[in-house]
PDB file of N, CA and C in Angstrom:
ATOM      1  N   MET A   1       0.849  -1.187   0.000  1.00  0.00           N
ATOM      2  CA  MET A   1       0.000   0.000   0.000  1.00  0.00           C
ATOM      3  C   MET A   1       0.891   1.246   0.000  1.00  0.00           C
ATOM      4  N   PRO A   2       0.359   2.398   0.312  1.00  0.00           N
ATOM      5  CA  PRO A   2       1.136   3.633   0.195  1.00  0.00           C
ATOM      6  C   PRO A   2       2.395   3.615   1.036  1.00  0.00           C
ATOM      7  N   SER A   3       3.487   4.053   0.435  1.00  0.00           N
ATOM      8  CA  SER A   3       4.757   4.043   1.160  1.00  0.00           C
ATOM      9  C   SER A   3       4.743   5.001   2.337  1.00  0.00           C
ATOM     10  N   GLU A   4       4.014   6.107   2.227  1.00  0.00           N
ATOM     11  CA  GLU A   4       3.961   7.053   3.342  1.00  0.00           C
ATOM     12  C   GLU A   4       3.254   6.437   4.541  1.00  0.00           C
ATOM     13  N   SER A   5       2.365   5.482   4.283  1.00  0.00           N
ATOM     14  CA  SER A   5       1.640   4.841   5.367  1.00  0.00           C
ATOM     15  C   SER A   5       2.541   3.932   6.189  1.00  0.00           C
ATOM     16  N   GLN A   6       3.659   3.499   5.593  1.00  0.00           N
ATOM     17  CA  GLN A   6       4.517   2.529   6.240  1.00  0.00           C
ATOM     18  C   GLN A   6       5.983   2.883   6.034  1.00  0.00           C
ATOM     19  N   PRO A   7       6.428   4.012   6.556  1.00  0.00           N
ATOM     20  CA  PRO A   7       7.787   4.452   6.258  1.00  0.00           C
ATOM     21  C   PRO A   7       8.866   3.543   6.832  1.00  0.00           C
ATOM     22  N   TYR A   8       8.559   2.763   7.855  1.00  0.00           N
ATOM     23  CA  TYR A   8       9.558   1.875   8.442  1.00  0.00           C
ATOM     24  C   TYR A   8       9.299   0.421   8.068  1.00  0.00           C
ATOM     25  N   ALA A   9       8.396   0.188   7.089  1.00  0.00           N
ATOM     26  CA  ALA A   9       8.032  -1.173   6.703  1.00  0.00           C
ATOM     27  C   ALA A   9       9.177  -1.911   6.032  1.00  0.00           C
ATOM     28  N   ASP A  10      10.151  -1.197   5.513  1.00  0.00           N
ATOM     29  CA  ASP A  10      11.272  -1.840   4.842  1.00  0.00           C
ATOM     30  C   ASP A  10      12.293  -2.397   5.833  1.00  0.00           C
ATOM     31  N   GLY A  11      11.971  -2.307   7.113  1.00  0.00           N
ATOM     32  CA  GLY A  11      12.865  -2.850   8.126  1.00  0.00           C
ATOM     33  C   GLY A  11      13.801  -1.833   8.728  1.00  0.00           C
ATOM     34  N   ARG A  12      13.952  -0.690   8.084  1.00  0.00           N
ATOM     35  CA  ARG A  12      14.840   0.317   8.668  1.00  0.00           C
ATOM     36  C   ARG A  12      14.112   0.962   9.839  1.00  0.00           C
ATOM     37  N   GLN A  13      14.815   1.181  10.871  1.00  0.00           N
ATOM     38  CA  GLN A  13      14.258   1.770  12.078  1.00  0.00           C
ATOM     39  C   GLN A  13      14.738   3.210  12.193  1.00  0.00           C
ATOM     40  N   PRO A  14      13.937   4.051  12.834  1.00  0.00           N
ATOM     41  CA  PRO A  14      14.429   5.407  13.065  1.00  0.00           C
ATOM     42  C   PRO A  14      15.660   5.333  13.955  1.00  0.00           C
ATOM     43  N   ASP A  15      16.610   6.196  13.699  1.00  0.00           N
ATOM     44  CA  ASP A  15      17.833   6.203  14.497  1.00  0.00           C
ATOM     45  C   ASP A  15      17.536   6.844  15.842  1.00  0.00           C
ATOM     46  N   GLN A  16      17.093   6.017  16.779  1.00  0.00           N
ATOM     47  CA  GLN A  16      16.654   6.509  18.074  1.00  0.00           C
ATOM     48  C   GLN A  16      17.786   7.082  18.905  1.00  0.00           C
ATOM     49  N   ASP A  17      19.007   6.687  18.608  1.00  0.00           N
ATOM     50  CA  ASP A  17      20.127   7.206  19.375  1.00  0.00           C
ATOM     51  C   ASP A  17      20.448   8.656  19.010  1.00  0.00           C
ATOM     52  N   ARG A  18      20.055   9.096  17.810  1.00  0.00           N
ATOM     53  CA  ARG A  18      20.389  10.449  17.368  1.00  0.00           C
ATOM     54  C   ARG A  18      19.248  11.441  17.552  1.00  0.00           C
ATOM     55  N   LEU A  19      18.021  10.971  17.434  1.00  0.00           N
ATOM     56  CA  LEU A  19      16.893  11.892  17.512  1.00  0.00           C
ATOM     57  C   LEU A  19      16.594  12.274  18.954  1.00  0.00           C
ATOM     58  N   PRO A  20      16.478  13.568  19.237  1.00  0.00           N
ATOM     59  CA  PRO A  20      16.049  13.970  20.572  1.00  0.00           C
ATOM     60  C   PRO A  20      14.630  13.471  20.816  1.00  0.00           C
ATOM     61  N   VAL A  21      14.283  13.244  22.065  1.00  0.00           N
ATOM     62  CA  VAL A  21      12.973  12.707  22.416  1.00  0.00           C
ATOM     63  C   VAL A  21      11.858  13.563  21.824  1.00  0.00           C
ATOM     64  N   ALA A  22      11.961  14.864  21.915  1.00  0.00           N
ATOM     65  CA  ALA A  22      10.913  15.746  21.391  1.00  0.00           C
ATOM     66  C   ALA A  22      10.714  15.525  19.896  1.00  0.00           C
ATOM     67  N   ASP A  23      11.787  15.317  19.137  1.00  0.00           N
ATOM     68  CA  ASP A  23      11.664  15.082  17.703  1.00  0.00           C
ATOM     69  C   ASP A  23      10.965  13.753  17.423  1.00  0.00           C
ATOM     70  N   ARG A  24      11.263  12.733  18.218  1.00  0.00           N
ATOM     71  CA  ARG A  24      10.597  11.444  18.037  1.00  0.00           C
ATOM     72  C   ARG A  24       9.113  11.565  18.334  1.00  0.00           C
ATOM     73  N   LEU A  25       8.754  12.339  19.343  1.00  0.00           N
ATOM     74  CA  LEU A  25       7.347  12.494  19.693  1.00  0.00           C
ATOM     75  C   LEU A  25       6.596  13.285  18.634  1.00  0.00           C
ATOM     76  N   ASP A  26       7.279  14.180  17.944  1.00  0.00           N
ATOM     77  CA  ASP A  26       6.649  14.970  16.890  1.00  0.00           C
ATOM     78  C   ASP A  26       6.587  14.220  15.555  1.00  0.00           C
ATOM     79  N   ASP A  27       7.325  13.148  15.430  1.00  0.00           N
ATOM     80  CA  ASP A  27       7.377  12.373  14.190  1.00  0.00           C
ATOM     81  C   ASP A  27       6.083  11.572  14.057  1.00  0.00           C
ATOM     82  N   ASP A  28       5.282  11.908  13.055  1.00  0.00           N
ATOM     83  CA  ASP A  28       3.988  11.258  12.836  1.00  0.00           C
ATOM     84  C   ASP A  28       4.148   9.783  12.480  1.00  0.00           C
ATOM     85  N   HIS A  29       5.340   9.393  12.056  1.00  0.00           N
ATOM     86  CA  HIS A  29       5.576   8.017  11.638  1.00  0.00           C
ATOM     87  C   HIS A  29       6.396   7.218  12.653  1.00  0.00           C
ATOM     88  N   PHE A  30       6.708   7.821  13.787  1.00  0.00           N
ATOM     89  CA  PHE A  30       7.469   7.105  14.808  1.00  0.00           C
ATOM     90  C   PHE A  30       6.563   6.076  15.483  1.00  0.00           C
ATOM     91  N   PRO A  31       6.988   4.823  15.542  1.00  0.00           N
ATOM     92  CA  PRO A  31       6.151   3.754  16.107  1.00  0.00           C
ATOM     93  C   PRO A  31       6.138   3.780  17.641  1.00  0.00           C
ATOM     94  N   ALA A  32       5.294   4.620  18.202  1.00  0.00           N
ATOM     95  CA  ALA A  32       5.301   4.868  19.639  1.00  0.00           C
ATOM     96  C   ALA A  32       4.253   4.093  20.426  1.00  0.00           C
ATOM     97  N   TYR A  33       3.278   3.490  19.751  1.00  0.00           N
ATOM     98  CA  TYR A  33       2.141   2.893  20.462  1.00  0.00           C
ATOM     99  C   TYR A  33       2.153   1.374  20.398  1.00  0.00           C
ATOM    100  N   THR A  34       1.949   0.761  21.541  1.00  0.00           N
ATOM    101  CA  THR A  34       1.823  -0.693  21.596  1.00  0.00           C
ATOM    102  C   THR A  34       0.480  -1.100  21.003  1.00  0.00           C
ATOM    103  N   MET A  35       0.321  -2.365  20.725  1.00  0.00           N
ATOM    104  CA  MET A  35      -0.926  -2.836  20.144  1.00  0.00           C
ATOM    105  C   MET A  35      -2.112  -2.543  21.067  1.00  0.00           C
ATOM    106  N   GLY A  36      -1.966  -2.802  22.349  1.00  0.00           N
ATOM    107  CA  GLY A  36      -3.061  -2.563  23.280  1.00  0.00           C
ATOM    108  C   GLY A  36      -3.479  -1.106  23.322  1.00  0.00           C
ATOM    109  N   ARG A  37      -2.505  -0.223  23.381  1.00  0.00           N
ATOM    110  CA  ARG A  37      -2.802   1.210  23.420  1.00  0.00           C
ATOM    111  C   ARG A  37      -3.372   1.677  22.087  1.00  0.00           C
ATOM    112  N   ALA A  38      -2.834   1.162  20.990  1.00  0.00           N
ATOM    113  CA  ALA A  38      -3.333   1.520  19.661  1.00  0.00           C
ATOM    114  C   ALA A  38      -4.796   1.098  19.513  1.00  0.00           C
ATOM    115  N   ALA A  39      -5.107  -0.127  19.917  1.00  0.00           N
ATOM    116  CA  ALA A  39      -6.484  -0.610  19.831  1.00  0.00           C
ATOM    117  C   ALA A  39      -7.412   0.256  20.676  1.00  0.00           C
ATOM    118  N   GLU A  40      -6.951   0.624  21.861  1.00  0.00           N
ATOM    119  CA  GLU A  40      -7.745   1.475  22.739  1.00  0.00           C
ATOM    120  C   GLU A  40      -8.011   2.833  22.100  1.00  0.00           C
ATOM    121  N   LEU A  41      -6.989   3.445  21.526  1.00  0.00           N
ATOM    122  CA  LEU A  41      -7.134   4.758  20.907  1.00  0.00           C
ATOM    123  C   LEU A  41      -8.057   4.727  19.689  1.00  0.00           C
ATOM    124  N   VAL A  42      -7.987   3.657  18.920  1.00  0.00           N
ATOM    125  CA  VAL A  42      -8.798   3.525  17.716  1.00  0.00           C
ATOM    126  C   VAL A  42     -10.221   3.089  18.061  1.00  0.00           C
ATOM    127  N   GLY A  43     -10.378   2.483  19.235  1.00  0.00           N
ATOM    128  CA  GLY A  43     -11.687   1.959  19.611  1.00  0.00           C
ATOM    129  C   GLY A  43     -11.974   0.640  18.934  1.00  0.00           C
ATOM    130  N   ALA A  44     -10.935  -0.151  18.771  1.00  0.00           N
ATOM    131  CA  ALA A  44     -11.042  -1.435  18.085  1.00  0.00           C
ATOM    132  C   ALA A  44     -10.367  -2.507  18.933  1.00  0.00           C
ATOM    133  N   THR A  45     -10.377  -3.705  18.429  1.00  0.00           N
ATOM    134  CA  THR A  45      -9.714  -4.810  19.114  1.00  0.00           C
ATOM    135  C   THR A  45      -8.340  -5.046  18.495  1.00  0.00           C
ATOM    136  N   PRO A  46      -7.447  -5.698  19.223  1.00  0.00           N
ATOM    137  CA  PRO A  46      -6.172  -6.083  18.617  1.00  0.00           C
ATOM    138  C   PRO A  46      -6.370  -6.946  17.361  1.00  0.00           C
ATOM    139  N   ALA A  47      -7.409  -7.767  17.347  1.00  0.00           N
ATOM    140  CA  ALA A  47      -7.685  -8.603  16.169  1.00  0.00           C
ATOM    141  C   ALA A  47      -7.978  -7.734  14.945  1.00  0.00           C
ATOM    142  N   PHE A  48      -8.659  -6.613  15.151  1.00  0.00           N
ATOM    143  CA  PHE A  48      -8.946  -5.699  14.043  1.00  0.00           C
ATOM    144  C   PHE A  48      -7.637  -5.127  13.499  1.00  0.00           C
ATOM    145  N   LEU A  49      -6.738  -4.722  14.390  1.00  0.00           N
ATOM    146  CA  LEU A  49      -5.443  -4.197  13.942  1.00  0.00           C
ATOM    147  C   LEU A  49      -4.645  -5.265  13.197  1.00  0.00           C
ATOM    148  N   ARG A  50      -4.701  -6.506  13.671  1.00  0.00           N
ATOM    149  CA  ARG A  50      -4.014  -7.592  12.965  1.00  0.00           C
ATOM    150  C   ARG A  50      -4.622  -7.791  11.575  1.00  0.00           C
ATOM    151  N   ALA A  51      -5.951  -7.645  11.468  1.00  0.00           N
ATOM    152  CA  ALA A  51      -6.612  -7.784  10.164  1.00  0.00           C
ATOM    153  C   ALA A  51      -6.140  -6.700   9.199  1.00  0.00           C
ATOM    154  N   LEU A  52      -5.929  -5.492   9.709  1.00  0.00           N
ATOM    155  CA  LEU A  52      -5.418  -4.414   8.854  1.00  0.00           C
ATOM    156  C   LEU A  52      -3.996  -4.703   8.411  1.00  0.00           C
ATOM    157  N   ASP A  53      -3.228  -5.348   9.280  1.00  0.00           N
ATOM    158  CA  ASP A  53      -1.862  -5.759   8.933  1.00  0.00           C
ATOM    159  C   ASP A  53      -1.926  -6.836   7.849  1.00  0.00           C
ATOM    160  N   GLU A  54      -2.811  -7.811   8.016  1.00  0.00           N
ATOM    161  CA  GLU A  54      -2.957  -8.884   7.020  1.00  0.00           C
ATOM    162  C   GLU A  54      -3.414  -8.327   5.677  1.00  0.00           C
ATOM    163  N   ALA A  55      -4.262  -7.302   5.706  1.00  0.00           N
ATOM    164  CA  ALA A  55      -4.743  -6.667   4.474  1.00  0.00           C
ATOM    165  C   ALA A  55      -3.707  -5.704   3.896  1.00  0.00           C
ATOM    166  N   ARG A  56      -2.608  -5.515   4.604  1.00  0.00           N
ATOM    167  CA  ARG A  56      -1.474  -4.676   4.191  1.00  0.00           C
ATOM    168  C   ARG A  56      -1.797  -3.188   4.146  1.00  0.00           C
ATOM    169  N   LEU A  57      -2.790  -2.766   4.951  1.00  0.00           N
ATOM    170  CA  LEU A  57      -3.051  -1.337   5.047  1.00  0.00           C
ATOM    171  C   LEU A  57      -1.990  -0.687   5.913  1.00  0.00           C
ATOM    172  N   ILE A  58      -1.700  -1.302   7.026  1.00  0.00           N
ATOM    173  CA  ILE A  58      -0.648  -0.814   7.921  1.00  0.00           C
ATOM    174  C   ILE A  58       0.253  -1.990   8.269  1.00  0.00           C
ATOM    175  N   THR A  59       1.516  -1.707   8.370  1.00  0.00           N
ATOM    176  CA  THR A  59       2.489  -2.725   8.780  1.00  0.00           C
ATOM    177  C   THR A  59       3.212  -2.174   9.996  1.00  0.00           C
ATOM    178  N   PRO A  60       2.823  -2.647  11.180  1.00  0.00           N
ATOM    179  CA  PRO A  60       3.470  -2.118  12.378  1.00  0.00           C
ATOM    180  C   PRO A  60       4.945  -2.504  12.437  1.00  0.00           C
ATOM    181  N   THR A  61       5.698  -1.653  13.047  1.00  0.00           N
ATOM    182  CA  THR A  61       7.105  -1.938  13.309  1.00  0.00           C
ATOM    183  C   THR A  61       7.148  -2.939  14.450  1.00  0.00           C
ATOM    184  N   ARG A  62       8.179  -3.723  14.518  1.00  0.00           N
ATOM    185  CA  ARG A  62       8.327  -4.684  15.620  1.00  0.00           C
ATOM    186  C   ARG A  62       9.417  -4.196  16.572  1.00  0.00           C
ATOM    187  N   SER A  63       9.115  -4.292  17.852  1.00  0.00           N
ATOM    188  CA  SER A  63      10.112  -3.943  18.864  1.00  0.00           C
ATOM    189  C   SER A  63      11.166  -5.035  18.901  1.00  0.00           C
ATOM    190  N   GLY A  64      12.201  -4.820  19.670  1.00  0.00           N
ATOM    191  CA  GLY A  64      13.245  -5.834  19.820  1.00  0.00           C
ATOM    192  C   GLY A  64      12.693  -7.169  20.295  1.00  0.00           C
ATOM    193  N   GLY A  65      11.633  -7.121  21.086  1.00  0.00           N
ATOM    194  CA  GLY A  65      10.998  -8.340  21.588  1.00  0.00           C
ATOM    195  C   GLY A  65       9.938  -8.900  20.665  1.00  0.00           C
ATOM    196  N   GLY A  66       9.743  -8.268  19.499  1.00  0.00           N
ATOM    197  CA  GLY A  66       8.788  -8.779  18.520  1.00  0.00           C
ATOM    198  C   GLY A  66       7.379  -8.230  18.670  1.00  0.00           C
ATOM    199  N   HIS A  67       7.184  -7.272  19.568  1.00  0.00           N
ATOM    200  CA  HIS A  67       5.851  -6.701  19.771  1.00  0.00           C
ATOM    201  C   HIS A  67       5.558  -5.646  18.710  1.00  0.00           C
ATOM    202  N   ARG A  68       4.308  -5.593  18.289  1.00  0.00           N
ATOM    203  CA  ARG A  68       3.892  -4.599  17.286  1.00  0.00           C
ATOM    204  C   ARG A  68       3.891  -3.203  17.894  1.00  0.00           C
ATOM    205  N   ARG A  69       4.364  -2.236  17.096  1.00  0.00           N
ATOM    206  CA  ARG A  69       4.364  -0.824  17.498  1.00  0.00           C
ATOM    207  C   ARG A  69       3.759  -0.011  16.355  1.00  0.00           C
ATOM    208  N   TYR A  70       2.869   0.914  16.701  1.00  0.00           N
ATOM    209  CA  TYR A  70       2.134   1.688  15.710  1.00  0.00           C
ATOM    210  C   TYR A  70       2.458   3.178  15.826  1.00  0.00           C
ATOM    211  N   SER A  71       2.413   3.854  14.689  1.00  0.00           N
ATOM    212  CA  SER A  71       2.627   5.303  14.652  1.00  0.00           C
ATOM    213  C   SER A  71       1.272   6.019  14.667  1.00  0.00           C
ATOM    214  N   ARG A  72       1.311   7.318  14.890  1.00  0.00           N
ATOM    215  CA  ARG A  72       0.069   8.112  14.851  1.00  0.00           C
ATOM    216  C   ARG A  72      -0.559   8.057  13.458  1.00  0.00           C
ATOM    217  N   HIS A  73       0.272   8.099  12.430  1.00  0.00           N
ATOM    218  CA  HIS A  73      -0.253   8.017  11.063  1.00  0.00           C
ATOM    219  C   HIS A  73      -0.991   6.694  10.860  1.00  0.00           C
ATOM    220  N   GLN A  74      -0.416   5.617  11.317  1.00  0.00           N
ATOM    221  CA  GLN A  74      -1.067   4.316  11.189  1.00  0.00           C
ATOM    222  C   GLN A  74      -2.366   4.262  11.992  1.00  0.00           C
ATOM    223  N   LEU A  75      -2.389   4.918  13.144  1.00  0.00           N
ATOM    224  CA  LEU A  75      -3.615   4.943  13.946  1.00  0.00           C
ATOM    225  C   LEU A  75      -4.718   5.711  13.224  1.00  0.00           C
ATOM    226  N   ARG A  76      -4.356   6.783  12.517  1.00  0.00           N
ATOM    227  CA  ARG A  76      -5.370   7.515  11.744  1.00  0.00           C
ATOM    228  C   ARG A  76      -5.943   6.630  10.639  1.00  0.00           C
ATOM    229  N   LEU A  77      -5.081   5.873   9.984  1.00  0.00           N
ATOM    230  CA  LEU A  77      -5.558   4.956   8.944  1.00  0.00           C
ATOM    231  C   LEU A  77      -6.459   3.885   9.551  1.00  0.00           C
ATOM    232  N   ALA A  78      -6.063   3.360  10.692  1.00  0.00           N
ATOM    233  CA  ALA A  78      -6.867   2.334  11.367  1.00  0.00           C
ATOM    234  C   ALA A  78      -8.215   2.898  11.799  1.00  0.00           C
ATOM    235  N   ALA A  79      -8.226   4.135  12.283  1.00  0.00           N
ATOM    236  CA  ALA A  79      -9.487   4.763  12.694  1.00  0.00           C
ATOM    237  C   ALA A  79     -10.400   4.957  11.485  1.00  0.00           C
ATOM    238  N   ARG A  80      -9.830   5.347  10.349  1.00  0.00           N
ATOM    239  CA  ARG A  80     -10.632   5.498   9.130  1.00  0.00           C
ATOM    240  C   ARG A  80     -11.188   4.145   8.698  1.00  0.00           C
ATOM    241  N   ALA A  81     -10.377   3.096   8.789  1.00  0.00           N
ATOM    242  CA  ALA A  81     -10.836   1.751   8.441  1.00  0.00           C
ATOM    243  C   ALA A  81     -11.984   1.327   9.363  1.00  0.00           C
ATOM    244  N   ARG A  82     -11.837   1.598  10.635  1.00  0.00           N
ATOM    245  CA  ARG A  82     -12.902   1.249  11.582  1.00  0.00           C
ATOM    246  C   ARG A  82     -14.187   1.983  11.243  1.00  0.00           C
ATOM    247  N   GLU A  83     -14.069   3.244  10.879  1.00  0.00           N
ATOM    248  CA  GLU A  83     -15.224   4.052  10.486  1.00  0.00           C
ATOM    249  C   GLU A  83     -15.955   3.401   9.303  1.00  0.00           C
ATOM    250  N   LEU A  84     -15.191   2.988   8.294  1.00  0.00           N
ATOM    251  CA  LEU A  84     -15.790   2.359   7.119  1.00  0.00           C
ATOM    252  C   LEU A  84     -16.406   1.003   7.457  1.00  0.00           C
ATOM    253  N   VAL A  85     -15.714   0.221   8.267  1.00  0.00           N
ATOM    254  CA  VAL A  85     -16.223  -1.098   8.660  1.00  0.00           C
ATOM    255  C   VAL A  85     -17.496  -0.938   9.485  1.00  0.00           C
ATOM    256  N   ASP A  86     -17.520   0.051  10.351  1.00  0.00           N
ATOM    257  CA  ASP A  86     -18.721   0.305  11.152  1.00  0.00           C
ATOM    258  C   ASP A  86     -19.919   0.671  10.273  1.00  0.00           C
ATOM    259  N   GLN A  87     -19.646   1.198   9.076  1.00  0.00           N
ATOM    260  CA  GLN A  87     -20.711   1.550   8.138  1.00  0.00           C
ATOM    261  C   GLN A  87     -21.097   0.371   7.250  1.00  0.00           C
ATOM    262  N   GLY A  88     -20.471  -0.785   7.478  1.00  0.00           N
ATOM    263  CA  GLY A  88     -20.828  -1.993   6.738  1.00  0.00           C
ATOM    264  C   GLY A  88     -19.888  -2.381   5.617  1.00  0.00           C
ATOM    265  N   THR A  89     -18.784  -1.669   5.463  1.00  0.00           N
ATOM    266  CA  THR A  89     -17.815  -1.984   4.414  1.00  0.00           C
ATOM    267  C   THR A  89     -16.926  -3.141   4.869  1.00  0.00           C
ATOM    268  N   PRO A  90     -16.724  -4.162   4.039  1.00  0.00           N
ATOM    269  CA  PRO A  90     -15.803  -5.249   4.405  1.00  0.00           C
ATOM    270  C   PRO A  90     -14.379  -4.702   4.617  1.00  0.00           C
ATOM    271  N   VAL A  91     -13.622  -5.346   5.469  1.00  0.00           N
ATOM    272  CA  VAL A  91     -12.273  -4.876   5.810  1.00  0.00           C
ATOM    273  C   VAL A  91     -11.397  -4.710   4.576  1.00  0.00           C
ATOM    274  N   ASP A  92     -11.387  -5.694   3.693  1.00  0.00           N
ATOM    275  CA  ASP A  92     -10.536  -5.587   2.501  1.00  0.00           C
ATOM    276  C   ASP A  92     -10.938  -4.403   1.632  1.00  0.00           C
ATOM    277  N   ALA A  93     -12.232  -4.176   1.488  1.00  0.00           N
ATOM    278  CA  ALA A  93     -12.702  -3.041   0.692  1.00  0.00           C
ATOM    279  C   ALA A  93     -12.355  -1.722   1.382  1.00  0.00           C
ATOM    280  N   ALA A  94     -12.493  -1.674   2.693  1.00  0.00           N
ATOM    281  CA  ALA A  94     -12.140  -0.467   3.447  1.00  0.00           C
ATOM    282  C   ALA A  94     -10.662  -0.141   3.251  1.00  0.00           C
ATOM    283  N   CYS A  95      -9.825  -1.149   3.292  1.00  0.00           N
ATOM    284  CA  CYS A  95      -8.388  -0.935   3.105  1.00  0.00           C
ATOM    285  C   CYS A  95      -8.098  -0.412   1.703  1.00  0.00           C
ATOM    286  N   ARG A  96      -8.793  -0.940   0.717  1.00  0.00           N
ATOM    287  CA  ARG A  96      -8.586  -0.472  -0.659  1.00  0.00           C
ATOM    288  C   ARG A  96      -9.043   0.981  -0.808  1.00  0.00           C
ATOM    289  N   ILE A  97     -10.177   1.318  -0.207  1.00  0.00           N
ATOM    290  CA  ILE A  97     -10.689   2.695  -0.250  1.00  0.00           C
ATOM    291  C   ILE A  97      -9.670   3.647   0.367  1.00  0.00           C
ATOM    292  N   ILE A  98      -9.146   3.273   1.518  1.00  0.00           N
ATOM    293  CA  ILE A  98      -8.185   4.127   2.219  1.00  0.00           C
ATOM    294  C   ILE A  98      -6.911   4.279   1.393  1.00  0.00           C
ATOM    295  N   SER A  99      -6.479   3.202   0.780  1.00  0.00           N
ATOM    296  CA  SER A  99      -5.298   3.264  -0.073  1.00  0.00           C
ATOM    297  C   SER A  99      -5.515   4.227  -1.231  1.00  0.00           C
ATOM    298  N   LEU A 100      -6.679   4.148  -1.847  1.00  0.00           N
ATOM    299  CA  LEU A 100      -6.984   5.045  -2.965  1.00  0.00           C
ATOM    300  C   LEU A 100      -7.125   6.485  -2.495  1.00  0.00           C
ATOM    301  N   GLU A 101      -7.717   6.697  -1.326  1.00  0.00           N
ATOM    302  CA  GLU A 101      -7.803   8.055  -0.774  1.00  0.00           C
ATOM    303  C   GLU A 101      -6.415   8.632  -0.541  1.00  0.00           C
ATOM    304  N   ASP A 102      -5.517   7.789  -0.030  1.00  0.00           N
ATOM    305  CA  ASP A 102      -4.149   8.234   0.232  1.00  0.00           C
ATOM    306  C   ASP A 102      -3.428   8.564  -1.076  1.00  0.00           C
ATOM    307  N   GLN A 103      -3.615   7.736  -2.094  1.00  0.00           N
ATOM    308  CA  GLN A 103      -3.002   7.999  -3.394  1.00  0.00           C
ATOM    309  C   GLN A 103      -3.537   9.289  -3.999  1.00  0.00           C
ATOM    310  N   LEU A 104      -4.838   9.520  -3.853  1.00  0.00           N
ATOM    311  CA  LEU A 104      -5.437  10.748  -4.363  1.00  0.00           C
ATOM    312  C   LEU A 104      -4.848  11.970  -3.662  1.00  0.00           C
ATOM    313  N   ARG A 105      -4.715  11.895  -2.335  1.00  0.00           N
ATOM    314  CA  ARG A 105      -4.118  13.016  -1.582  1.00  0.00           C
ATOM    315  C   ARG A 105      -2.703  13.297  -2.064  1.00  0.00           C
ATOM    316  N   GLN A 106      -1.925  12.240  -2.273  1.00  0.00           N
ATOM    317  CA  GLN A 106      -0.554  12.424  -2.737  1.00  0.00           C
ATOM    318  C   GLN A 106      -0.523  13.042  -4.137  1.00  0.00           C
ATOM    319  N   ALA A 107      -1.417  12.604  -5.020  1.00  0.00           N
ATOM    320  CA  ALA A 107      -1.468  13.148  -6.375  1.00  0.00           C
ATOM    321  C   ALA A 107      -1.899  14.610  -6.349  1.00  0.00           C
ATOM    322  N   GLU A 108      -2.874  14.940  -5.508  1.00  0.00           N
ATOM    323  CA  GLU A 108      -3.313  16.333  -5.390  1.00  0.00           C
ATOM    324  C   GLU A 108      -2.184  17.211  -4.870  1.00  0.00           C
ATOM    325  N   HIS A 109      -1.432  16.701  -3.913  1.00  0.00           N
ATOM    326  CA  HIS A 109      -0.294  17.448  -3.371  1.00  0.00           C
ATOM    327  C   HIS A 109       0.758  17.673  -4.463  1.00  0.00           C
ATOM    328  N   ALA A 110       1.046  16.624  -5.219  1.00  0.00           N
ATOM    329  CA  ALA A 110       2.036  16.742  -6.297  1.00  0.00           C
ATOM    330  C   ALA A 110       1.567  17.733  -7.355  1.00  0.00           C
ATOM    331  N   ASN A 111       0.280  17.691  -7.703  1.00  0.00           N
ATOM    332  CA  ASN A 111      -0.263  18.638  -8.691  1.00  0.00           C
ATOM    333  C   ASN A 111      -0.163  20.066  -8.187  1.00  0.00           C
ATOM    334  N   GLU A 112      -0.485  20.276  -6.931  1.00  0.00           N
ATOM    335  CA  GLU A 112      -0.404  21.623  -6.359  1.00  0.00           C
ATOM    336  C   GLU A 112       1.044  22.129  -6.387  1.00  0.00           C
ATOM    337  N   GLU A 113       1.962  21.250  -6.078  1.00  0.00           N
ATOM    338  CA  GLU A 113       3.381  21.629  -6.106  1.00  0.00           C
ATOM    339  C   GLU A 113       3.804  22.000  -7.524  1.00  0.00           C
ATOM    340  N   LEU A 114       3.366  21.238  -8.508  1.00  0.00           N
ATOM    341  CA  LEU A 114       3.686  21.549  -9.903  1.00  0.00           C
ATOM    342  C   LEU A 114       3.068  22.877 -10.331  1.00  0.00           C
ATOM    343  N   ARG A 115       1.853  23.143  -9.874  1.00  0.00           N
ATOM    344  CA  ARG A 115       1.214  24.426 -10.191  1.00  0.00           C
ATOM    345  C   ARG A 115       2.012  25.586  -9.600  1.00  0.00           C
ATOM    346  N   ARG A 116       2.444  25.407  -8.340  1.00  0.00           N
ATOM    347  CA  ARG A 116       3.231  26.467  -7.697  1.00  0.00           C
ATOM    348  C   ARG A 116       4.522  26.723  -8.462  1.00  0.00           C
ATOM    349  N   ARG A 117       5.188  25.657  -8.837  1.00  0.00           N
ATOM    350  CA  ARG A 117       6.441  25.809  -9.593  1.00  0.00           C
ATOM    351  C   ARG A 117       6.192  26.483 -10.932  1.00  0.00           C
ATOM    352  N   GLY A 118       5.111  26.074 -11.596  1.00  0.00           N
ATOM    353  CA  GLY A 118       4.763  26.669 -12.887  1.00  0.00           C
ATOM    354  C   GLY A 118       4.431  28.140 -12.743  1.00  0.00           C
ATOM    355  N   ALA A 119       3.701  28.494 -11.706  1.00  0.00           N
ATOM    356  CA  ALA A 119       3.340  29.895 -11.475  1.00  0.00           C
ATOM    357  C   ALA A 119       4.590  30.700 -11.138  1.00  0.00           C
ATOM    358  N   GLY A 120       5.478  30.108 -10.368  1.00  0.00           N
ATOM    359  CA  GLY A 120       6.721  30.797 -10.014  1.00  0.00           C
ATOM    360  C   GLY A 120       7.606  31.024 -11.219  1.00  0.00           C
ATOM    361  N   ALA A 121       7.652  30.052 -12.102  1.00  0.00           N
ATOM    362  CA  ALA A 121       8.460  30.174 -13.331  1.00  0.00           C
ATOM    363  C   ALA A 121       7.854  31.225 -14.256  1.00  0.00           C
ATOM    364  N   ALA A 122       6.503  31.240 -14.324  1.00  0.00           N
ATOM    365  CA  ALA A 122       5.837  32.203 -15.204  1.00  0.00           C
ATOM    366  C   ALA A 122       6.068  33.629 -14.709  1.00  0.00           C
ATOM    367  N   HIS A 123       6.009  33.832 -13.394  1.00  0.00           N
ATOM    368  CA  HIS A 123       6.209  35.170 -12.843  1.00  0.00           C
ATOM    369  C   HIS A 123       7.687  35.579 -12.871  1.00  0.00           C
ATOM    370  N   GLY A 124       8.568  34.590 -12.761  1.00  0.00           N
ATOM    371  CA  GLY A 124      10.005  34.893 -12.764  1.00  0.00           C
ATOM    372  C   GLY A 124      10.510  35.245 -14.145  1.00  0.00           C
ATOM    373  N   GLY A 125       9.799  34.783 -15.216  1.00  0.00           N
ATOM    374  CA  GLY A 125      10.238  35.031 -16.576  1.00  0.00           C
ATOM    375  C   GLY A 125       9.778  36.360 -17.134  1.00  0.00           C
ATOM    376  N   ARG A 126       9.006  37.136 -16.378  1.00  0.00           N
ATOM    377  CA  ARG A 126       8.500  38.423 -16.882  1.00  0.00           C
ATOM    378  C   ARG A 126       9.422  39.556 -16.628  1.00  0.00           C
TER     379      ARG A 126
END
């Protein structure tokens, strides 16, 4: 699914020895939440979070002991999935919808950036 949704999914871990604590807490992709706390915050069960992992919507980072750790960004995706499932959407379909929403947001952001660059070039050439 979207790479922004899983920035540490490739196995690389944030360099915790270099980042100050405040920077780690501000990092939307830092895996700070345990499965129990993540489920509590989302209002779901750990089984629901595992289902999202199986559907590849979110891939939690693993701690040294093998425990799942979730980021705030992943919790937002999980909360959106729960919202859709609560409305009767199957989990796999909810994950696909969220993936497409994320891709659309990224494309809109890229288009806006291109427009800004184009406008800047047009004004700079006068």
